[in-house]
């Protein structure tokens, strides 16, 4: 599925919703007694985004996973770039970003298309 950047931004404007991008800002330290990471901190960034389902023809093993979809994130007004393993919160759930593609106009990023999974 291919879109022009203008079409993507129109989808966000017309059908987008308020979402939150959660980034881990402090890695913390592994605690072997509890088996978890202690002392990590996160920072939340609010933005307008648009989730959509995708399929590129016949589904492959990667596309059959539960909750696999994409999210369009406009770069304008967003203070950070989304990365793999960041969390998107919205639509009543939280999903992990597994892949980020950047759409450019010249040398400027217009939006990010993030593949996300539950």
PDB file of N, CA and C in Angstrom:
ATOM      1  N   UNK A   1       0.855  -1.161   0.000  1.00  0.00           N
ATOM      2  CA  UNK A   1       0.000   0.000   0.000  1.00  0.00           C
ATOM      3  C   UNK A   1       0.901   1.224   0.000  1.00  0.00           C
ATOM      4  N   UNK A   2       0.685   2.127  -0.946  1.00  0.00           N
ATOM      5  CA  UNK A   2       1.505   3.329  -0.977  1.00  0.00           C
ATOM      6  C   UNK A   2       0.608   4.560  -0.922  1.00  0.00           C
ATOM      7  N   UNK A   3       1.113   5.587  -0.277  1.00  0.00           N
ATOM      8  CA  UNK A   3       0.403   6.842  -0.119  1.00  0.00           C
ATOM      9  C   UNK A   3       1.351   7.978  -0.473  1.00  0.00           C
ATOM     10  N   UNK A   4       0.801   9.079  -0.890  1.00  0.00           N
ATOM     11  CA  UNK A   4       1.580  10.305  -0.964  1.00  0.00           C
ATOM     12  C   UNK A   4       1.559  10.920   0.421  1.00  0.00           C
ATOM     13  N   UNK A   5       2.582  11.694   0.759  1.00  0.00           N
ATOM     14  CA  UNK A   5       2.643  12.289   2.095  1.00  0.00           C
ATOM     15  C   UNK A   5       1.434  13.193   2.356  1.00  0.00           C
ATOM     16  N   UNK A   6       0.946  13.883   1.331  1.00  0.00           N
ATOM     17  CA  UNK A   6      -0.237  14.733   1.483  1.00  0.00           C
ATOM     18  C   UNK A   6      -1.450  13.911   1.899  1.00  0.00           C
ATOM     19  N   UNK A   7      -1.610  12.716   1.283  1.00  0.00           N
ATOM     20  CA  UNK A   7      -2.728  11.835   1.636  1.00  0.00           C
ATOM     21  C   UNK A   7      -2.619  11.375   3.087  1.00  0.00           C
ATOM     22  N   UNK A   8      -1.419  11.053   3.521  1.00  0.00           N
ATOM     23  CA  UNK A   8      -1.209  10.613   4.906  1.00  0.00           C
ATOM     24  C   UNK A   8      -1.573  11.717   5.891  1.00  0.00           C
ATOM     25  N   UNK A   9      -1.133  12.927   5.618  1.00  0.00           N
ATOM     26  CA  UNK A   9      -1.437  14.034   6.525  1.00  0.00           C
ATOM     27  C   UNK A   9      -2.937  14.340   6.546  1.00  0.00           C
ATOM     28  N   UNK A  10      -3.610  14.178   5.400  1.00  0.00           N
ATOM     29  CA  UNK A  10      -5.064  14.358   5.367  1.00  0.00           C
ATOM     30  C   UNK A  10      -5.782  13.289   6.177  1.00  0.00           C
ATOM     31  N   UNK A  11      -5.288  12.049   6.157  1.00  0.00           N
ATOM     32  CA  UNK A  11      -5.871  10.997   6.984  1.00  0.00           C
ATOM     33  C   UNK A  11      -5.778  11.359   8.463  1.00  0.00           C
ATOM     34  N   UNK A  12      -4.620  11.874   8.862  1.00  0.00           N
ATOM     35  CA  UNK A  12      -4.433  12.262  10.261  1.00  0.00           C
ATOM     36  C   UNK A  12      -5.360  13.425  10.605  1.00  0.00           C
ATOM     37  N   UNK A  13      -5.433  14.423   9.723  1.00  0.00           N
ATOM     38  CA  UNK A  13      -6.278  15.594   9.983  1.00  0.00           C
ATOM     39  C   UNK A  13      -7.749  15.210  10.082  1.00  0.00           C
ATOM     40  N   UNK A  14      -8.229  14.368   9.153  1.00  0.00           N
ATOM     41  CA  UNK A  14      -9.648  14.041   9.078  1.00  0.00           C
ATOM     42  C   UNK A  14     -10.079  12.931  10.037  1.00  0.00           C
ATOM     43  N   UNK A  15      -9.209  11.956  10.281  1.00  0.00           N
ATOM     44  CA  UNK A  15      -9.616  10.777  11.045  1.00  0.00           C
ATOM     45  C   UNK A  15      -8.703  10.463  12.222  1.00  0.00           C
ATOM     46  N   UNK A  16      -7.705  11.294  12.444  1.00  0.00           N
ATOM     47  CA  UNK A  16      -6.748  11.024  13.512  1.00  0.00           C
ATOM     48  C   UNK A  16      -7.339  11.209  14.896  1.00  0.00           C
ATOM     49  N   UNK A  17      -6.600  10.736  15.857  1.00  0.00           N
ATOM     50  CA  UNK A  17      -7.005  10.855  17.254  1.00  0.00           C
ATOM     51  C   UNK A  17      -5.779  11.202  18.090  1.00  0.00           C
ATOM     52  N   UNK A  18      -6.021  11.663  19.285  1.00  0.00           N
ATOM     53  CA  UNK A  18      -4.937  12.005  20.184  1.00  0.00           C
ATOM     54  C   UNK A  18      -4.308  10.721  20.718  1.00  0.00           C
ATOM     55  N   UNK A  19      -3.002  10.584  20.512  1.00  0.00           N
ATOM     56  CA  UNK A  19      -2.234   9.427  20.960  1.00  0.00           C
ATOM     57  C   UNK A  19      -1.058   9.910  21.794  1.00  0.00           C
ATOM     58  N   UNK A  20      -0.409   8.989  22.472  1.00  0.00           N
ATOM     59  CA  UNK A  20       0.760   9.309  23.284  1.00  0.00           C
ATOM     60  C   UNK A  20       1.916   8.422  22.865  1.00  0.00           C
ATOM     61  N   UNK A  21       3.073   9.039  22.612  1.00  0.00           N
ATOM     62  CA  UNK A  21       4.310   8.327  22.339  1.00  0.00           C
ATOM     63  C   UNK A  21       5.100   8.282  23.638  1.00  0.00           C
ATOM     64  N   UNK A  22       5.360   7.088  24.140  1.00  0.00           N
ATOM     65  CA  UNK A  22       6.108   6.930  25.393  1.00  0.00           C
ATOM     66  C   UNK A  22       7.511   6.433  25.069  1.00  0.00           C
ATOM     67  N   UNK A  23       8.509   7.249  25.455  1.00  0.00           N
ATOM     68  CA  UNK A  23       9.914   6.907  25.241  1.00  0.00           C
ATOM     69  C   UNK A  23      10.585   6.645  26.586  1.00  0.00           C
ATOM     70  N   UNK A  24      11.440   5.635  26.630  1.00  0.00           N
ATOM     71  CA  UNK A  24      12.238   5.380  27.825  1.00  0.00           C
ATOM     72  C   UNK A  24      13.401   6.365  27.791  1.00  0.00           C
ATOM     73  N   UNK A  25      13.494   7.219  28.800  1.00  0.00           N
ATOM     74  CA  UNK A  25      14.539   8.243  28.820  1.00  0.00           C
ATOM     75  C   UNK A  25      15.703   7.880  29.710  1.00  0.00           C
ATOM     76  N   UNK A  26      15.501   6.982  30.664  1.00  0.00           N
ATOM     77  CA  UNK A  26      16.575   6.500  31.522  1.00  0.00           C
ATOM     78  C   UNK A  26      16.496   4.983  31.533  1.00  0.00           C
ATOM     79  N   UNK A  27      17.587   4.336  31.186  1.00  0.00           N
ATOM     80  CA  UNK A  27      17.564   2.884  31.024  1.00  0.00           C
ATOM     81  C   UNK A  27      17.365   2.140  32.332  1.00  0.00           C
ATOM     82  N   UNK A  28      17.890   2.626  33.437  1.00  0.00           N
ATOM     83  CA  UNK A  28      17.756   1.912  34.702  1.00  0.00           C
ATOM     84  C   UNK A  28      18.772   0.791  34.812  1.00  0.00           C
ATOM     85  N   UNK A  29      18.622  -0.035  35.814  1.00  0.00           N
ATOM     86  CA  UNK A  29      19.553  -1.134  36.059  1.00  0.00           C
ATOM     87  C   UNK A  29      18.769  -2.407  36.324  1.00  0.00           C
ATOM     88  N   UNK A  30      19.304  -3.517  35.862  1.00  0.00           N
ATOM     89  CA  UNK A  30      18.667  -4.815  36.061  1.00  0.00           C
ATOM     90  C   UNK A  30      18.819  -5.248  37.511  1.00  0.00           C
ATOM     91  N   UNK A  31      17.715  -5.662  38.113  1.00  0.00           N
ATOM     92  CA  UNK A  31      17.711  -6.145  39.489  1.00  0.00           C
ATOM     93  C   UNK A  31      17.520  -7.658  39.446  1.00  0.00           C
ATOM     94  N   UNK A  32      18.589  -8.447  39.720  1.00  0.00           N
ATOM     95  CA  UNK A  32      18.463  -9.896  39.624  1.00  0.00           C
ATOM     96  C   UNK A  32      17.521 -10.492  40.678  1.00  0.00           C
ATOM     97  N   UNK A  33      17.326  -9.810  41.788  1.00  0.00           N
ATOM     98  CA  UNK A  33      16.438 -10.325  42.836  1.00  0.00           C
ATOM     99  C   UNK A  33      14.976 -10.340  42.371  1.00  0.00           C
ATOM    100  N   UNK A  34      14.568  -9.314  41.618  1.00  0.00           N
ATOM    101  CA  UNK A  34      13.185  -9.232  41.153  1.00  0.00           C
ATOM    102  C   UNK A  34      13.020  -9.661  39.702  1.00  0.00           C
ATOM    103  N   UNK A  35      14.129  -9.694  38.954  1.00  0.00           N
ATOM    104  CA  UNK A  35      14.064 -10.052  37.541  1.00  0.00           C
ATOM    105  C   UNK A  35      13.523  -8.954  36.667  1.00  0.00           C
ATOM    106  N   UNK A  36      13.583  -7.707  37.141  1.00  0.00           N
ATOM    107  CA  UNK A  36      13.066  -6.580  36.362  1.00  0.00           C
ATOM    108  C   UNK A  36      14.077  -5.434  36.373  1.00  0.00           C
ATOM    109  N   UNK A  37      13.758  -4.402  35.612  1.00  0.00           N
ATOM    110  CA  UNK A  37      14.616  -3.216  35.536  1.00  0.00           C
ATOM    111  C   UNK A  37      14.093  -2.176  36.513  1.00  0.00           C
ATOM    112  N   UNK A  38      14.967  -1.698  37.388  1.00  0.00           N
ATOM    113  CA  UNK A  38      14.607  -0.672  38.365  1.00  0.00           C
ATOM    114  C   UNK A  38      15.224   0.666  37.956  1.00  0.00           C
ATOM    115  N   UNK A  39      14.535   1.743  38.249  1.00  0.00           N
ATOM    116  CA  UNK A  39      15.082   3.080  38.038  1.00  0.00           C
ATOM    117  C   UNK A  39      14.936   3.618  36.637  1.00  0.00           C
ATOM    118  N   UNK A  40      14.165   2.951  35.770  1.00  0.00           N
ATOM    119  CA  UNK A  40      13.974   3.506  34.433  1.00  0.00           C
ATOM    120  C   UNK A  40      12.892   4.582  34.493  1.00  0.00           C
ATOM    121  N   UNK A  41      13.016   5.556  33.613  1.00  0.00           N
ATOM    122  CA  UNK A  41      12.045   6.647  33.554  1.00  0.00           C
ATOM    123  C   UNK A  41      11.556   6.793  32.121  1.00  0.00           C
ATOM    124  N   UNK A  42      10.329   7.264  31.972  1.00  0.00           N
ATOM    125  CA  UNK A  42       9.758   7.469  30.647  1.00  0.00           C
ATOM    126  C   UNK A  42       9.301   8.910  30.496  1.00  0.00           C
ATOM    127  N   UNK A  43       9.212   9.343  29.237  1.00  0.00           N
ATOM    128  CA  UNK A  43       8.676  10.651  28.919  1.00  0.00           C
ATOM    129  C   UNK A  43       7.575  10.457  27.882  1.00  0.00           C
ATOM    130  N   UNK A  44       6.436  11.108  28.084  1.00  0.00           N
ATOM    131  CA  UNK A  44       5.299  10.997  27.175  1.00  0.00           C
ATOM    132  C   UNK A  44       5.195  12.229  26.288  1.00  0.00           C
ATOM    133  N   UNK A  45       4.864  11.992  25.003  1.00  0.00           N
ATOM    134  CA  UNK A  45       4.667  13.060  24.029  1.00  0.00           C
ATOM    135  C   UNK A  45       3.307  12.842  23.375  1.00  0.00           C
ATOM    136  N   UNK A  46       2.441  13.840  23.448  1.00  0.00           N
ATOM    137  CA  UNK A  46       1.103  13.740  22.877  1.00  0.00           C
ATOM    138  C   UNK A  46       1.123  14.268  21.442  1.00  0.00           C
ATOM    139  N   UNK A  47       0.355  13.613  20.557  1.00  0.00           N
ATOM    140  CA  UNK A  47       0.294  14.015  19.154  1.00  0.00           C
ATOM    141  C   UNK A  47      -0.995  13.495  18.541  1.00  0.00           C
ATOM    142  N   UNK A  48      -1.314  13.944  17.334  1.00  0.00           N
ATOM    143  CA  UNK A  48      -2.435  13.431  16.565  1.00  0.00           C
ATOM    144  C   UNK A  48      -1.891  12.374  15.622  1.00  0.00           C
ATOM    145  N   UNK A  49      -2.455  11.181  15.646  1.00  0.00           N
ATOM    146  CA  UNK A  49      -2.000  10.097  14.783  1.00  0.00           C
ATOM    147  C   UNK A  49      -3.174   9.315  14.234  1.00  0.00           C
ATOM    148  N   UNK A  50      -2.877   8.415  13.290  1.00  0.00           N
ATOM    149  CA  UNK A  50      -3.914   7.627  12.638  1.00  0.00           C
ATOM    150  C   UNK A  50      -3.457   6.182  12.518  1.00  0.00           C
ATOM    151  N   UNK A  51      -4.200   5.241  13.125  1.00  0.00           N
ATOM    152  CA  UNK A  51      -3.936   3.812  12.998  1.00  0.00           C
ATOM    153  C   UNK A  51      -4.664   3.256  11.784  1.00  0.00           C
ATOM    154  N   UNK A  52      -4.018   2.323  11.064  1.00  0.00           N
ATOM    155  CA  UNK A  52      -4.698   1.613   9.993  1.00  0.00           C
ATOM    156  C   UNK A  52      -4.146   0.204   9.881  1.00  0.00           C
ATOM    157  N   UNK A  53      -5.006  -0.715   9.428  1.00  0.00           N
ATOM    158  CA  UNK A  53      -4.585  -2.093   9.182  1.00  0.00           C
ATOM    159  C   UNK A  53      -3.884  -2.136   7.839  1.00  0.00           C
ATOM    160  N   UNK A  54      -3.010  -3.103   7.680  1.00  0.00           N
ATOM    161  CA  UNK A  54      -2.310  -3.194   6.413  1.00  0.00           C
ATOM    162  C   UNK A  54      -2.129  -4.638   6.009  1.00  0.00           C
ATOM    163  N   UNK A  55      -1.956  -4.831   4.731  1.00  0.00           N
ATOM    164  CA  UNK A  55      -1.626  -6.139   4.175  1.00  0.00           C
ATOM    165  C   UNK A  55      -0.999  -5.893   2.820  1.00  0.00           C
ATOM    166  N   UNK A  56       0.069  -6.575   2.548  1.00  0.00           N
ATOM    167  CA  UNK A  56       0.733  -6.410   1.256  1.00  0.00           C
ATOM    168  C   UNK A  56       0.530  -7.689   0.445  1.00  0.00           C
ATOM    169  N   UNK A  57      -0.707  -7.924   0.007  1.00  0.00           N
ATOM    170  CA  UNK A  57      -1.005  -9.128  -0.745  1.00  0.00           C
ATOM    171  C   UNK A  57      -1.273 -10.286   0.191  1.00  0.00           C
ATOM    172  N   UNK A  58      -0.668 -11.426  -0.096  1.00  0.00           N
ATOM    173  CA  UNK A  58      -0.843 -12.597   0.755  1.00  0.00           C
ATOM    174  C   UNK A  58      -0.120 -12.391   2.071  1.00  0.00           C
ATOM    175  N   UNK A  59      -0.755 -12.707   3.188  1.00  0.00           N
ATOM    176  CA  UNK A  59      -0.103 -12.500   4.480  1.00  0.00           C
ATOM    177  C   UNK A  59       1.086 -13.437   4.669  1.00  0.00           C
ATOM    178  N   UNK A  60       2.139 -12.902   5.246  1.00  0.00           N
ATOM    179  CA  UNK A  60       3.298 -13.710   5.609  1.00  0.00           C
ATOM    180  C   UNK A  60       3.208 -13.995   7.095  1.00  0.00           C
ATOM    181  N   UNK A  61       4.138 -14.759   7.609  1.00  0.00           N
ATOM    182  CA  UNK A  61       4.149 -15.071   9.033  1.00  0.00           C
ATOM    183  C   UNK A  61       4.218 -13.833   9.896  1.00  0.00           C
ATOM    184  N   UNK A  62       4.901 -12.791   9.441  1.00  0.00           N
ATOM    185  CA  UNK A  62       5.030 -11.563  10.220  1.00  0.00           C
ATOM    186  C   UNK A  62       3.732 -10.777  10.272  1.00  0.00           C
ATOM    187  N   UNK A  63       2.899 -10.857   9.238  1.00  0.00           N
ATOM    188  CA  UNK A  63       1.679 -10.062   9.172  1.00  0.00           C
ATOM    189  C   UNK A  63       0.492 -10.725   9.865  1.00  0.00           C
ATOM    190  N   UNK A  64       0.636 -11.976  10.279  1.00  0.00           N
ATOM    191  CA  UNK A  64      -0.474 -12.685  10.891  1.00  0.00           C
ATOM    192  C   UNK A  64      -0.507 -12.485  12.401  1.00  0.00           C
ATOM    193  N   UNK A  65       0.457 -11.835  12.965  1.00  0.00           N
ATOM    194  CA  UNK A  65       0.505 -11.629  14.408  1.00  0.00           C
ATOM    195  C   UNK A  65      -0.683 -10.810  14.887  1.00  0.00           C
ATOM    196  N   UNK A  66      -1.089 -11.079  16.102  1.00  0.00           N
ATOM    197  CA  UNK A  66      -2.224 -10.387  16.705  1.00  0.00           C
ATOM    198  C   UNK A  66      -1.918  -8.909  16.860  1.00  0.00           C
ATOM    199  N   UNK A  67      -2.827  -8.063  16.393  1.00  0.00           N
ATOM    200  CA  UNK A  67      -2.694  -6.631  16.600  1.00  0.00           C
ATOM    201  C   UNK A  67      -1.700  -5.949  15.693  1.00  0.00           C
ATOM    202  N   UNK A  68      -1.275  -6.586  14.624  1.00  0.00           N
ATOM    203  CA  UNK A  68      -0.311  -5.981  13.717  1.00  0.00           C
ATOM    204  C   UNK A  68      -1.005  -4.936  12.854  1.00  0.00           C
ATOM    205  N   UNK A  69      -0.534  -3.704  12.915  1.00  0.00           N
ATOM    206  CA  UNK A  69      -1.099  -2.595  12.137  1.00  0.00           C
ATOM    207  C   UNK A  69      -0.057  -1.498  12.020  1.00  0.00           C
ATOM    208  N   UNK A  70      -0.429  -0.397  11.431  1.00  0.00           N
ATOM    209  CA  UNK A  70       0.491   0.739  11.266  1.00  0.00           C
ATOM    210  C   UNK A  70      -0.143   1.999  11.834  1.00  0.00           C
ATOM    211  N   UNK A  71       0.726   2.957  12.131  1.00  0.00           N
ATOM    212  CA  UNK A  71       0.278   4.248  12.639  1.00  0.00           C
ATOM    213  C   UNK A  71       1.037   5.345  11.903  1.00  0.00           C
ATOM    214  N   UNK A  72       0.308   6.350  11.436  1.00  0.00           N
ATOM    215  CA  UNK A  72       0.917   7.524  10.805  1.00  0.00           C
ATOM    216  C   UNK A  72       1.113   8.583  11.885  1.00  0.00           C
ATOM    217  N   UNK A  73       2.353   9.071  11.998  1.00  0.00           N
ATOM    218  CA  UNK A  73       2.683  10.119  12.959  1.00  0.00           C
ATOM    219  C   UNK A  73       3.268  11.300  12.194  1.00  0.00           C
ATOM    220  N   UNK A  74       2.590  12.445  12.145  1.00  0.00           N
ATOM    221  CA  UNK A  74       3.170  13.620  11.490  1.00  0.00           C
ATOM    222  C   UNK A  74       4.388  14.115  12.269  1.00  0.00           C
ATOM    223  N   UNK A  75       5.410  14.546  11.555  1.00  0.00           N
ATOM    224  CA  UNK A  75       6.626  15.022  12.235  1.00  0.00           C
ATOM    225  C   UNK A  75       6.478  16.459  12.717  1.00  0.00           C
ATOM    226  N   UNK A  76       5.592  17.232  12.083  1.00  0.00           N
ATOM    227  CA  UNK A  76       5.412  18.628  12.463  1.00  0.00           C
ATOM    228  C   UNK A  76       4.869  18.736  13.883  1.00  0.00           C
ATOM    229  N   UNK A  77       5.580  19.422  14.744  1.00  0.00           N
ATOM    230  CA  UNK A  77       5.148  19.629  16.114  1.00  0.00           C
ATOM    231  C   UNK A  77       5.549  18.533  17.078  1.00  0.00           C
ATOM    232  N   UNK A  78       6.129  17.435  16.584  1.00  0.00           N
ATOM    233  CA  UNK A  78       6.574  16.362  17.462  1.00  0.00           C
ATOM    234  C   UNK A  78       8.030  16.627  17.846  1.00  0.00           C
ATOM    235  N   UNK A  79       8.308  16.657  19.132  1.00  0.00           N
ATOM    236  CA  UNK A  79       9.634  17.042  19.624  1.00  0.00           C
ATOM    237  C   UNK A  79      10.688  15.951  19.452  1.00  0.00           C
ATOM    238  N   UNK A  80      10.274  14.709  19.230  1.00  0.00           N
ATOM    239  CA  UNK A  80      11.205  13.583  19.121  1.00  0.00           C
ATOM    240  C   UNK A  80      10.832  12.721  17.922  1.00  0.00           C
ATOM    241  N   UNK A  81      11.748  11.845  17.526  1.00  0.00           N
ATOM    242  CA  UNK A  81      11.456  10.871  16.482  1.00  0.00           C
ATOM    243  C   UNK A  81      11.090   9.551  17.137  1.00  0.00           C
ATOM    244  N   UNK A  82      10.076   8.864  16.624  1.00  0.00           N
ATOM    245  CA  UNK A  82       9.754   7.548  17.174  1.00  0.00           C
ATOM    246  C   UNK A  82      10.855   6.544  16.838  1.00  0.00           C
ATOM    247  N   UNK A  83      11.098   5.618  17.745  1.00  0.00           N
ATOM    248  CA  UNK A  83      12.114   4.580  17.573  1.00  0.00           C
ATOM    249  C   UNK A  83      11.485   3.221  17.819  1.00  0.00           C
ATOM    250  N   UNK A  84      12.202   2.177  17.370  1.00  0.00           N
ATOM    251  CA  UNK A  84      11.788   0.817  17.701  1.00  0.00           C
ATOM    252  C   UNK A  84      11.712   0.678  19.210  1.00  0.00           C
ATOM    253  N   UNK A  85      10.736  -0.054  19.668  1.00  0.00           N
ATOM    254  CA  UNK A  85      10.519  -0.349  21.079  1.00  0.00           C
ATOM    255  C   UNK A  85       9.917   0.802  21.884  1.00  0.00           C
ATOM    256  N   UNK A  86       9.601   1.933  21.240  1.00  0.00           N
ATOM    257  CA  UNK A  86       8.798   2.951  21.913  1.00  0.00           C
ATOM    258  C   UNK A  86       7.375   2.413  22.005  1.00  0.00           C
ATOM    259  N   UNK A  87       6.563   3.022  22.847  1.00  0.00           N
ATOM    260  CA  UNK A  87       5.189   2.577  23.060  1.00  0.00           C
ATOM    261  C   UNK A  87       4.233   3.663  22.573  1.00  0.00           C
ATOM    262  N   UNK A  88       3.175   3.251  21.857  1.00  0.00           N
ATOM    263  CA  UNK A  88       2.093   4.151  21.473  1.00  0.00           C
ATOM    264  C   UNK A  88       0.869   3.789  22.297  1.00  0.00           C
ATOM    265  N   UNK A  89       0.285   4.796  22.919  1.00  0.00           N
ATOM    266  CA  UNK A  89      -0.874   4.580  23.782  1.00  0.00           C
ATOM    267  C   UNK A  89      -2.070   5.304  23.174  1.00  0.00           C
ATOM    268  N   UNK A  90      -3.155   4.576  22.989  1.00  0.00           N
ATOM    269  CA  UNK A  90      -4.372   5.129  22.431  1.00  0.00           C
ATOM    270  C   UNK A  90      -5.318   4.016  22.063  1.00  0.00           C
ATOM    271  N   UNK A  91      -6.533   4.348  21.681  1.00  0.00           N
ATOM    272  CA  UNK A  91      -7.559   3.376  21.314  1.00  0.00           C
ATOM    273  C   UNK A  91      -7.765   2.335  22.414  1.00  0.00           C
ATOM    274  N   UNK A  92      -7.553   2.722  23.657  1.00  0.00           N
ATOM    275  CA  UNK A  92      -7.792   1.820  24.772  1.00  0.00           C
ATOM    276  C   UNK A  92      -6.725   0.785  25.014  1.00  0.00           C
ATOM    277  N   UNK A  93      -5.597   0.867  24.304  1.00  0.00           N
ATOM    278  CA  UNK A  93      -4.522  -0.090  24.527  1.00  0.00           C
ATOM    279  C   UNK A  93      -3.169   0.553  24.261  1.00  0.00           C
ATOM    280  N   UNK A  94      -2.134  -0.211  24.504  1.00  0.00           N
ATOM    281  CA  UNK A  94      -0.767   0.240  24.245  1.00  0.00           C
ATOM    282  C   UNK A  94      -0.115  -0.764  23.302  1.00  0.00           C
ATOM    283  N   UNK A  95       0.596  -0.261  22.304  1.00  0.00           N
ATOM    284  CA  UNK A  95       1.264  -1.118  21.331  1.00  0.00           C
ATOM    285  C   UNK A  95       2.729  -0.714  21.236  1.00  0.00           C
ATOM    286  N   UNK A  96       3.571  -1.670  20.861  1.00  0.00           N
ATOM    287  CA  UNK A  96       5.004  -1.423  20.715  1.00  0.00           C
ATOM    288  C   UNK A  96       5.334  -1.150  19.254  1.00  0.00           C
ATOM    289  N   UNK A  97       6.209  -0.190  19.028  1.00  0.00           N
ATOM    290  CA  UNK A  97       6.686   0.089  17.682  1.00  0.00           C
ATOM    291  C   UNK A  97       7.770  -0.933  17.360  1.00  0.00           C
ATOM    292  N   UNK A  98       7.641  -1.608  16.212  1.00  0.00           N
ATOM    293  CA  UNK A  98       8.639  -2.593  15.811  1.00  0.00           C
ATOM    294  C   UNK A  98       9.449  -2.141  14.594  1.00  0.00           C
ATOM    295  N   UNK A  99       8.934  -1.159  13.852  1.00  0.00           N
ATOM    296  CA  UNK A  99       9.652  -0.663  12.674  1.00  0.00           C
ATOM    297  C   UNK A  99       9.169   0.739  12.363  1.00  0.00           C
ATOM    298  N   UNK A 100      10.090   1.630  12.000  1.00  0.00           N
ATOM    299  CA  UNK A 100       9.743   3.008  11.665  1.00  0.00           C
ATOM    300  C   UNK A 100      10.259   3.331  10.268  1.00  0.00           C
ATOM    301  N   UNK A 101       9.383   3.851   9.409  1.00  0.00           N
ATOM    302  CA  UNK A 101       9.768   4.351   8.094  1.00  0.00           C
ATOM    303  C   UNK A 101       9.496   5.846   8.073  1.00  0.00           C
ATOM    304  N   UNK A 102      10.449   6.618   7.586  1.00  0.00           N
ATOM    305  CA  UNK A 102      10.304   8.069   7.531  1.00  0.00           C
ATOM    306  C   UNK A 102       9.982   8.491   6.104  1.00  0.00           C
ATOM    307  N   UNK A 103       8.954   9.315   5.940  1.00  0.00           N
ATOM    308  CA  UNK A 103       8.571   9.864   4.643  1.00  0.00           C
ATOM    309  C   UNK A 103       9.126  11.277   4.569  1.00  0.00           C
ATOM    310  N   UNK A 104       9.952  11.538   3.558  1.00  0.00           N
ATOM    311  CA  UNK A 104      10.616  12.831   3.395  1.00  0.00           C
ATOM    312  C   UNK A 104      10.004  13.619   2.250  1.00  0.00           C
ATOM    313  N   UNK A 105      10.081  14.937   2.369  1.00  0.00           N
ATOM    314  CA  UNK A 105       9.841  15.854   1.272  1.00  0.00           C
ATOM    315  C   UNK A 105      11.118  16.662   1.147  1.00  0.00           C
ATOM    316  N   UNK A 106      11.909  16.344   0.139  1.00  0.00           N
ATOM    317  CA  UNK A 106      13.249  16.930   0.054  1.00  0.00           C
ATOM    318  C   UNK A 106      14.092  16.368   1.190  1.00  0.00           C
ATOM    319  N   UNK A 107      14.659  17.246   1.989  1.00  0.00           N
ATOM    320  CA  UNK A 107      15.466  16.818   3.137  1.00  0.00           C
ATOM    321  C   UNK A 107      14.707  16.864   4.450  1.00  0.00           C
ATOM    322  N   UNK A 108      13.418  17.141   4.407  1.00  0.00           N
ATOM    323  CA  UNK A 108      12.635  17.327   5.623  1.00  0.00           C
ATOM    324  C   UNK A 108      11.678  16.153   5.862  1.00  0.00           C
ATOM    325  N   UNK A 109      11.671  15.602   7.066  1.00  0.00           N
ATOM    326  CA  UNK A 109      10.710  14.532   7.355  1.00  0.00           C
ATOM    327  C   UNK A 109       9.289  15.098   7.436  1.00  0.00           C
ATOM    328  N   UNK A 110       8.356  14.452   6.753  1.00  0.00           N
ATOM    329  CA  UNK A 110       6.959  14.880   6.754  1.00  0.00           C
ATOM    330  C   UNK A 110       6.171  14.078   7.778  1.00  0.00           C
ATOM    331  N   UNK A 111       6.393  12.758   7.776  1.00  0.00           N
ATOM    332  CA  UNK A 111       5.694  11.907   8.728  1.00  0.00           C
ATOM    333  C   UNK A 111       6.453  10.595   8.888  1.00  0.00           C
ATOM    334  N   UNK A 112       6.045   9.860   9.892  1.00  0.00           N
ATOM    335  CA  UNK A 112       6.609   8.550  10.194  1.00  0.00           C
ATOM    336  C   UNK A 112       5.496   7.522  10.063  1.00  0.00           C
ATOM    337  N   UNK A 113       5.793   6.409   9.437  1.00  0.00           N
ATOM    338  CA  UNK A 113       4.856   5.297   9.389  1.00  0.00           C
ATOM    339  C   UNK A 113       5.466   4.215  10.281  1.00  0.00           C
ATOM    340  N   UNK A 114       4.778   3.928  11.367  1.00  0.00           N
ATOM    341  CA  UNK A 114       5.277   2.976  12.357  1.00  0.00           C
ATOM    342  C   UNK A 114       4.485   1.685  12.291  1.00  0.00           C
ATOM    343  N   UNK A 115       5.204   0.567  12.146  1.00  0.00           N
ATOM    344  CA  UNK A 115       4.568  -0.733  12.271  1.00  0.00           C
ATOM    345  C   UNK A 115       4.509  -1.051  13.760  1.00  0.00           C
ATOM    346  N   UNK A 116       3.321  -1.385  14.243  1.00  0.00           N
ATOM    347  CA  UNK A 116       3.131  -1.609  15.676  1.00  0.00           C
ATOM    348  C   UNK A 116       2.481  -2.972  15.913  1.00  0.00           C
ATOM    349  N   UNK A 117       2.743  -3.517  17.088  1.00  0.00           N
ATOM    350  CA  UNK A 117       2.134  -4.787  17.502  1.00  0.00           C
ATOM    351  C   UNK A 117       1.777  -4.735  18.967  1.00  0.00           C
ATOM    352  N   UNK A 118       0.740  -5.476  19.332  1.00  0.00           N
ATOM    353  CA  UNK A 118       0.328  -5.567  20.727  1.00  0.00           C
ATOM    354  C   UNK A 118       1.292  -6.438  21.503  1.00  0.00           C
TER     355      UNK A 118
END
